[in-house]
Every structure is written in structure tokens, then in C-alpha cells.
C-alpha atoms as a PDB file:
ATOM      1  CA  MET A   1       0.045  -0.015   0.087  1.00  0.00           C
ATOM      2  CA  THR A   2       1.242   3.528  -0.864  1.00  0.00           C
ATOM      3  CA  ILE A   3      -0.277   6.852  -0.058  1.00  0.00           C
ATOM      4  CA  SER A   4      -0.483  10.018  -2.181  1.00  0.00           C
ATOM      5  CA  LYS A   5       1.837  12.724  -1.144  1.00  0.00           C
ATOM      6  CA  THR A   6      -1.348  15.010  -1.891  1.00  0.00           C
ATOM      7  CA  ALA A   7      -3.386  13.350   0.722  1.00  0.00           C
ATOM      8  CA  VAL A   8      -0.545  14.003   3.385  1.00  0.00           C
ATOM      9  CA  VAL A   9      -0.127  17.545   2.387  1.00  0.00           C
ATOM     10  CA  ALA A  10      -3.803  18.101   2.266  1.00  0.00           C
ATOM     11  CA  ALA A  11      -4.080  16.679   5.963  1.00  0.00           C
ATOM     12  CA  LEU A  12      -1.242  18.964   7.242  1.00  0.00           C
ATOM     13  CA  ARG A  13      -2.592  22.054   5.492  1.00  0.00           C
ATOM     14  CA  GLU A  14      -6.012  21.287   7.004  1.00  0.00           C
ATOM     15  CA  ARG A  15      -4.486  21.492  10.313  1.00  0.00           C
ATOM     16  CA  GLY A  16      -2.844  24.472   9.481  1.00  0.00           C
ATOM     17  CA  GLN A  17       0.675  23.056   9.546  1.00  0.00           C
ATOM     18  CA  HIS A  18       1.783  24.716   6.416  1.00  0.00           C
ATOM     19  CA  SER A  19       5.387  24.605   6.830  1.00  0.00           C
ATOM     20  CA  ARG A  20       5.369  21.013   7.585  1.00  0.00           C
ATOM     21  CA  ALA A  21       3.283  20.560   4.421  1.00  0.00           C
ATOM     22  CA  ASP A  22       5.748  22.345   2.253  1.00  0.00           C
ATOM     23  CA  PHE A  23       8.602  20.148   3.763  1.00  0.00           C
ATOM     24  CA  VAL A  24       6.535  16.876   2.806  1.00  0.00           C
ATOM     25  CA  ASP A  25       5.752  18.378  -0.683  1.00  0.00           C
ATOM     26  CA  ARG A  26       9.489  19.049  -1.233  1.00  0.00           C
ATOM     27  CA  GLU A  27      11.085  16.015   0.247  1.00  0.00           C
ATOM     28  CA  LEU A  28       8.766  13.052  -0.367  1.00  0.00           C
ATOM     29  CA  PRO A  29       7.854  11.056  -3.462  1.00  0.00           C
ATOM     30  CA  ASP A  30       4.568  11.325  -5.147  1.00  0.00           C
ATOM     31  CA  ARG A  31       3.604   7.859  -3.622  1.00  0.00           C
ATOM     32  CA  ILE A  32       4.717   7.492   0.051  1.00  0.00           C
ATOM     33  CA  ASP A  33       5.301   3.955   1.403  1.00  0.00           C
ATOM     34  CA  PRO A  34       4.124   3.752   4.820  1.00  0.00           C
ATOM     35  CA  THR A  35       6.815   1.054   5.776  1.00  0.00           C
ATOM     36  CA  HIS A  36       9.634   3.350   4.546  1.00  0.00           C
ATOM     37  CA  HIS A  37       8.283   6.614   5.803  1.00  0.00           C
ATOM     38  CA  GLY A  38       6.253   5.275   8.916  1.00  0.00           C
ATOM     39  CA  GLY A  39       8.406   7.251  11.278  1.00  0.00           C
ATOM     40  CA  LEU A  40       7.994  10.436   9.614  1.00  0.00           C
ATOM     41  CA  LEU A  41       4.200   9.855   9.531  1.00  0.00           C
ATOM     42  CA  ALA A  42       4.033   9.111  13.129  1.00  0.00           C
ATOM     43  CA  THR A  43       6.055  12.260  14.024  1.00  0.00           C
ATOM     44  CA  LEU A  44       3.476  14.113  11.975  1.00  0.00           C
ATOM     45  CA  ARG A  45       0.686  12.252  13.920  1.00  0.00           C
ATOM     46  CA  LEU A  46      -0.665  11.043  10.674  1.00  0.00           C
ATOM     47  CA  ASP A  47      -2.284   7.637  10.589  1.00  0.00           C
ATOM     48  CA  PRO A  48      -1.496   5.692   7.464  1.00  0.00           C
ATOM     49  CA  SER A  49      -4.666   3.679   7.367  1.00  0.00           C
ATOM     50  CA  GLU A  50      -6.728   7.002   7.485  1.00  0.00           C
ATOM     51  CA  LEU A  51      -4.755   8.561   4.764  1.00  0.00           C
ATOM     52  CA  ALA A  52      -4.942   5.444   2.728  1.00  0.00           C
ATOM     53  CA  GLU A  53      -8.760   5.805   2.857  1.00  0.00           C
ATOM     54  CA  ALA A  54      -8.798   9.292   1.906  1.00  0.00           C
ATOM     55  CA  ASP A  55      -6.530   8.675  -1.059  1.00  0.00           C
ATOM     56  CA  PRO A  56      -8.422   8.631  -4.196  1.00  0.00           C
ATOM     57  CA  ALA A  57      -5.817   6.834  -6.155  1.00  0.00           C
END
């Protein structure tokens, strides 16, 4: 399972965390692998399963 970077950026912007969203947009690939980037997602307090559900792709 991978997650769209767009879903991650949108979740962060929804919380008002624009600088973190900008970082994710710059640094991560278009499709994020939760097993590889799980630590970062946890640091950002994002649940990969919720993001996968919100991911249109």
C-alpha cells in the first residue's frame, strides 16, 4: 500500500501546519510507502490507514 503525497499535504494544511506540508511536498515522493516513511508519518501524527482511505488513487 502506498499513500498519495497529496493526501498527506492536504491533511497537514487542514490542520494549519503549512510549513510541515511544504516540507513533505519538497522532500517525499509522489507515492509514500508507509513502511519506509512510517517514522515521519508518526512524527507528523498521521495515521497511514486514514490517509489510505482518503486517497483517491
